[in-house]
Amino acid sequence: MARARNEADTVRGMVISDARRKAGWVVLSEKERLIGNVLDEARARLVSMTNMKRYTLELEKTIVDAGTALGGGKLEVMLNERPTG
């Protein structure tokens, strides 16, 4: 009887461990999906901004703010040559 309980406890532990592992993967997968959605939305907004007259000014401000947030120093920014606004 004790042996059967030990085996049942072992199996139960393995099942619980497997369920936790699978739940972790589900959570990570959902986080990845949400991050992808946010990046897609950000990309779409940036593309729509290129048609605005203030695009260049906003882009410059964003670059300066990002450089400051990163601690300053030398910064190289590469942009395409497509005309804006």
Protein backbone atom coordinates (compact mmCIF):
# COMPACT_ATOMS: atom_id res chain seq x y z
CA MET A 1 0.00 0.00 0.00
CA ALA A 2 2.81 2.44 0.86
CA ARG A 3 4.54 1.66 -2.42
CA ALA A 4 1.37 2.42 -4.37
CA ARG A 5 1.00 5.76 -2.54
CA ASN A 6 4.61 6.68 -3.33
CA GLU A 7 4.09 5.85 -7.00
CA ALA A 8 0.83 7.82 -7.05
CA ASP A 9 2.58 10.78 -5.42
CA THR A 10 5.36 10.59 -7.99
CA VAL A 11 2.90 10.45 -10.89
CA ARG A 12 0.85 13.29 -9.39
CA GLY A 13 4.01 15.39 -9.02
CA MET A 14 4.96 14.74 -12.65
CA VAL A 15 1.48 15.66 -13.86
CA ILE A 16 1.48 18.87 -11.83
CA SER A 17 4.97 19.75 -13.05
CA ASP A 18 3.94 19.14 -16.66
CA ALA A 19 0.80 21.25 -16.24
CA ARG A 20 2.83 24.13 -14.79
CA ARG A 21 5.31 23.91 -17.64
CA LYS A 22 2.51 23.96 -20.22
CA ALA A 23 0.81 26.88 -18.46
CA GLY A 24 4.11 28.78 -18.56
CA TRP A 25 4.34 28.23 -22.31
CA VAL A 26 0.77 29.45 -22.76
CA VAL A 27 1.57 32.62 -20.82
CA LEU A 28 4.76 33.23 -22.81
CA SER A 29 2.95 32.63 -26.08
CA GLU A 30 0.24 35.13 -25.17
CA LYS A 31 2.83 37.71 -24.12
CA GLU A 32 4.62 37.24 -27.43
CA ARG A 33 1.34 37.70 -29.32
CA LEU A 34 0.53 40.90 -27.40
CA ILE A 35 4.02 42.32 -27.96
CA GLY A 36 3.69 41.54 -31.66
CA ASN A 37 0.37 43.38 -31.76
CA VAL A 38 1.90 46.43 -30.07
CA LEU A 39 4.83 46.45 -32.50
CA ASP A 40 2.48 46.14 -35.48
CA GLU A 41 0.40 49.06 -34.19
CA ALA A 42 3.52 51.17 -33.57
CA ARG A 43 4.78 50.37 -37.07
CA ALA A 44 1.42 51.33 -38.59
CA ARG A 45 1.38 54.62 -36.68
CA LEU A 46 4.92 55.44 -37.77
CA VAL A 47 4.06 54.75 -41.40
CA SER A 48 1.01 57.02 -41.17
CA MET A 49 3.14 59.74 -39.56
CA THR A 50 5.39 59.98 -42.60
CA ASN A 51 2.52 61.69 -44.40
CA MET A 52 2.28 64.45 -41.78
CA LYS A 53 3.90 67.83 -42.24
CA ARG A 54 5.36 67.72 -38.74
CA TYR A 55 6.99 64.32 -39.31
CA THR A 56 10.57 65.61 -39.50
CA LEU A 57 10.21 67.70 -36.34
CA GLU A 58 8.61 64.84 -34.43
CA LEU A 59 11.26 62.41 -35.68
CA GLU A 60 14.06 64.72 -34.55
CA LYS A 61 12.44 65.13 -31.12
CA THR A 62 12.03 61.35 -30.76
CA ILE A 63 15.66 60.74 -31.71
CA VAL A 64 16.93 63.33 -29.22
CA ASP A 65 14.67 61.98 -26.46
CA ALA A 66 15.80 58.41 -27.12
CA GLY A 67 19.46 59.42 -27.17
CA THR A 68 19.04 61.25 -23.87
CA ALA A 69 17.24 58.27 -22.32
CA LEU A 70 20.13 56.04 -23.41
CA GLY A 71 22.65 58.27 -21.68
CA GLY A 72 23.79 60.47 -24.54
CA GLY A 73 27.12 59.98 -26.24
CA LYS A 74 27.79 59.49 -29.92
CA LEU A 75 24.68 58.59 -31.88
CA GLU A 76 24.41 57.65 -35.54
CA VAL A 77 20.98 57.80 -37.13
CA MET A 78 20.35 56.41 -40.58
CA LEU A 79 17.21 57.48 -42.44
CA ASN A 80 15.89 56.72 -45.91
CA GLU A 81 15.93 59.42 -48.55
CA ARG A 82 12.21 59.37 -49.23
CA PRO A 83 10.80 62.92 -49.18
CA THR A 84 8.42 63.69 -46.33
CA GLY A 85 5.31 65.83 -45.81
